[in-house]
Protein backbone atom coordinates (compact mmCIF):
# COMPACT_ATOMS: atom_id res chain seq x y z
CA MET A 1 152.43 83.47 103.93
CA LYS A 2 150.97 86.14 101.69
CA LYS A 3 149.67 89.62 102.42
CA LEU A 4 146.18 90.22 100.98
CA SER A 5 144.53 93.41 99.86
CA ALA A 6 140.96 94.22 100.91
CA GLU A 7 139.62 93.07 97.52
CA GLU A 8 141.49 89.76 97.64
CA PHE A 9 140.30 89.09 101.18
CA SER A 10 136.67 89.82 100.25
CA GLN A 11 136.95 87.24 97.44
CA LEU A 12 138.01 84.47 99.85
CA SER A 13 135.47 81.95 101.13
CA VAL A 14 136.01 81.99 104.89
CA LYS A 15 135.18 78.88 106.90
CA GLY A 16 133.06 79.34 110.02
CA LYS A 17 133.82 78.20 113.55
CA GLY A 18 133.80 74.48 114.29
CA ARG A 19 132.90 71.90 111.65
CA SER A 20 131.21 73.73 108.81
CA SER A 21 130.12 72.13 105.58
CA ALA A 22 130.88 73.63 102.19
CA VAL A 23 127.17 74.43 101.77
CA PHE A 24 127.08 76.26 105.12
CA ASN A 25 130.16 78.30 104.20
CA SER A 26 128.74 79.11 100.78
CA LEU A 27 125.46 80.30 102.30
CA ILE A 28 127.20 82.45 104.91
CA ASN A 29 129.42 84.05 102.27
CA LEU A 30 126.61 84.89 99.83
CA GLN A 31 126.27 88.59 99.07
CA GLU A 32 122.86 90.25 98.78
CA GLY A 33 121.17 89.22 95.54
CA GLU A 34 123.47 86.24 94.90
CA GLY A 35 122.09 82.72 94.65
CA LEU A 36 123.29 79.18 95.21
CA LEU A 37 122.24 75.93 93.56
CA ILE A 38 122.60 72.98 95.93
CA GLU A 39 122.63 69.68 94.06
CA GLN A 40 121.62 66.31 95.55
CA LYS A 41 125.23 65.08 95.50
CA ASP A 42 126.34 68.13 97.57
CA TRP A 43 123.79 67.53 100.32
CA THR A 44 124.45 64.59 102.66
CA ARG A 45 122.24 65.43 105.63
CA LYS A 46 118.86 63.80 106.25
CA ALA A 47 116.91 67.07 106.64
CA ALA A 48 116.45 69.36 103.65
CA PRO A 49 118.65 72.46 103.27
CA SER A 50 115.71 74.60 104.35
CA SER A 51 116.49 73.74 107.99
CA LEU A 52 120.06 75.01 107.56
CA VAL A 53 118.83 78.14 105.77
CA ARG A 54 116.36 78.92 108.57
CA TYR A 55 119.10 78.38 111.16
CA ILE A 56 121.39 80.82 109.34
CA GLU A 57 118.56 83.36 109.04
CA LYS A 58 117.99 83.31 112.81
CA LYS A 59 121.60 83.05 113.95
CA TYR A 60 123.20 85.49 111.51
CA GLN A 61 120.27 87.88 110.82
CA MET A 62 120.29 87.18 107.08
CA LYS A 63 117.25 86.78 104.84
CA PHE A 64 116.97 84.11 102.14
CA SER A 65 114.51 82.93 99.52
CA PHE A 66 114.73 79.19 99.02
CA GLY A 67 112.93 76.16 97.64
CA ALA A 68 113.30 72.75 96.04
CA LEU A 69 113.66 72.47 92.26
CA GLU A 70 110.69 71.02 90.37
CA ASN A 71 112.63 68.11 88.90
CA GLY A 72 113.93 67.09 92.35
CA SER A 73 117.58 67.51 91.41
CA GLY A 74 118.35 69.95 94.23
CA TRP A 75 117.51 73.21 95.90
CA ALA A 76 117.91 76.90 95.06
CA VAL A 77 118.76 79.55 97.66
CA GLN A 78 119.03 83.31 97.12
CA ARG A 79 120.13 85.89 99.66
CA LEU A 80 117.72 88.80 99.90
CA ASN A 81 118.37 92.41 100.87
CA GLU A 82 118.66 93.14 104.57
CA VAL A 83 115.53 94.55 106.18
CA LYS A 84 116.67 94.37 109.80
CA LYS A 85 117.40 98.11 110.07
CA GLU A 86 113.99 99.03 108.69
CA ILE A 87 112.29 96.66 111.13
CA LYS A 88 114.06 98.28 114.09
CA LYS A 89 112.96 101.75 112.95
CA ALA A 90 109.39 100.51 112.51
CA GLU A 91 109.46 98.92 115.98
CA LYS A 92 110.60 102.21 117.53
CA ALA A 93 107.83 104.06 115.74
CA GLN A 94 105.27 101.52 116.97
CA VAL A 95 106.49 101.90 120.55
CA GLU A 96 106.02 105.67 120.38
CA GLN A 97 102.67 105.56 118.55
CA PRO A 98 100.53 103.67 121.10
CA LYS A 99 100.82 106.50 123.63
CA MET A 100 99.97 109.02 120.96
CA ASN A 101 97.16 106.83 119.59
CA THR A 102 95.55 106.39 123.01
CA GLU A 103 95.58 110.15 123.57
CA ARG A 104 94.12 110.66 120.12
CA LEU A 105 91.43 108.01 120.64
CA GLU A 106 90.47 109.42 124.02
CA MET A 107 90.23 112.91 122.56
CA LYS A 108 88.21 111.60 119.62
CA SER A 109 85.71 109.87 121.91
CA GLU A 110 85.35 112.96 124.15
CA LEU A 111 84.94 115.21 121.12
CA THR A 112 82.34 112.84 119.62
CA LEU A 113 80.29 112.95 122.81
CA PHE A 114 80.67 116.74 122.96
CA TYR A 115 79.50 117.11 119.35
CA LEU A 116 76.58 114.71 119.70
CA GLY A 117 75.44 116.58 122.82
CA ARG A 118 75.53 119.91 120.99
CA ILE A 119 73.74 118.63 117.90
CA SER A 120 71.04 116.87 119.92
CA MET A 121 70.38 120.10 121.84
CA ASN A 122 70.56 122.54 118.90
CA LYS A 123 69.21 120.20 116.15
CA ILE A 124 71.04 122.22 113.47
CA GLU A 125 74.67 123.06 114.10
CA ARG A 126 77.12 125.15 112.10
CA VAL A 127 80.50 123.46 111.69
CA GLU A 128 82.44 126.63 112.54
CA ASP A 129 80.41 127.21 115.72
CA THR A 130 81.04 123.65 116.87
CA ILE A 131 84.78 123.95 116.25
CA LYS A 132 84.91 127.23 118.21
CA ALA A 133 82.95 125.70 121.09
CA ALA A 134 85.23 122.63 121.07
CA MET A 135 88.33 124.85 121.13
CA ILE A 136 86.96 126.65 124.18
CA HIS A 137 85.85 123.46 125.92
CA PHE A 138 89.09 121.51 125.21
CA TRP A 139 91.39 124.49 125.68
CA LYS A 140 94.34 122.37 126.90
CA SER A 141 94.37 120.19 123.77
CA ASP A 142 96.26 120.69 120.53
CA LYS A 143 94.11 122.89 118.30
CA LYS A 144 95.25 121.34 115.02
CA MET A 145 94.59 117.78 116.24
CA LEU A 146 91.20 118.89 117.59
CA GLN A 147 90.19 120.29 114.21
CA GLU A 148 91.41 117.15 112.35
CA LEU A 149 89.52 114.90 114.75
CA PHE A 150 86.35 116.95 114.42
CA TYR A 151 86.33 116.64 110.63
CA GLU A 152 87.01 112.88 110.95
CA ILE A 153 84.08 112.59 113.35
CA ILE A 154 81.54 114.45 111.24
CA GLU A 155 82.65 112.58 108.12
CA GLY A 156 82.31 109.24 109.91
CA LEU A 157 78.90 110.12 111.37
CA SER A 158 77.75 111.29 107.96
CA GLN A 159 78.86 108.08 106.24
CA GLN A 160 77.04 106.05 108.87
CA GLY A 161 73.86 108.08 108.34
CA HIS A 162 73.72 109.58 111.85
CA ILE A 163 74.00 113.18 110.62
CA ILE A 164 73.51 115.06 107.37
CA ILE A 165 75.96 117.69 106.14
CA GLU A 166 74.67 120.50 103.93
CA GLY A 167 77.14 123.25 103.18
CA ASP A 168 78.55 124.40 106.49
CA LYS A 169 75.67 123.04 108.61
CA THR A 170 75.05 119.63 110.10
CA TYR A 171 71.80 118.24 111.43
CA LEU A 172 70.18 115.03 112.57
CA PRO A 173 68.09 113.28 109.90
CA LEU A 174 64.39 112.77 110.40
CA LYS A 175 63.41 109.23 111.37
CA LYS A 176 61.82 107.16 108.64
CA THR A 177 58.72 105.25 109.61
CA LEU A 178 57.97 101.91 108.02
C-alpha cells in the first residue's frame, strides 16, 4: 500500500463502476481540452464510439467533439469546456424574463393604441406632449420604461410608413392616390 499526494492521485486513471472498457475510462478521465484517438484495434463493439460518447455526455454532464477519421483508421474525441453552469444561469434568466416581457408587451400595445388615438385626433403631435400625456394616463407604470417604449413605437411606426417624424413633431402622412 502506498500513500498518494493530490497530484499523484489526479494522474491516476480511475476505473468506473462495473465493467468499464479502457476507452470508457479514458473518456471519463479526459480533462477539458484534451483529446483521444481511438484506433480500430481498440474498439471491439459493433456500434461506433459516438454512441458511447453521447452516453457519457448525458450521464456525466460532459461535452465532447468527436468524429471518424477520413482514412477510416479510427475516431477522434476531444473534451470541450463545460457550459452547464452558463446554461443554468441562462435558464433562470429566461424564466424571469417572460413575466417581464408580457408586462412590457402589454404596456407597448396599450401605449401604441394611446398614441395612435392622439395622433388621429390631433393630426400633428409633438413628441414631448405625447410623452407627458402618456405619463399622466399611465401614472402607475414605470416612467423610464414608458419613455423607452414610446420611442420604440414611434420609430417602428415611422419605419413602416404609418407616421412621419420631422424634428420634434410627428404626423400622419397624406394618402397617395394611384
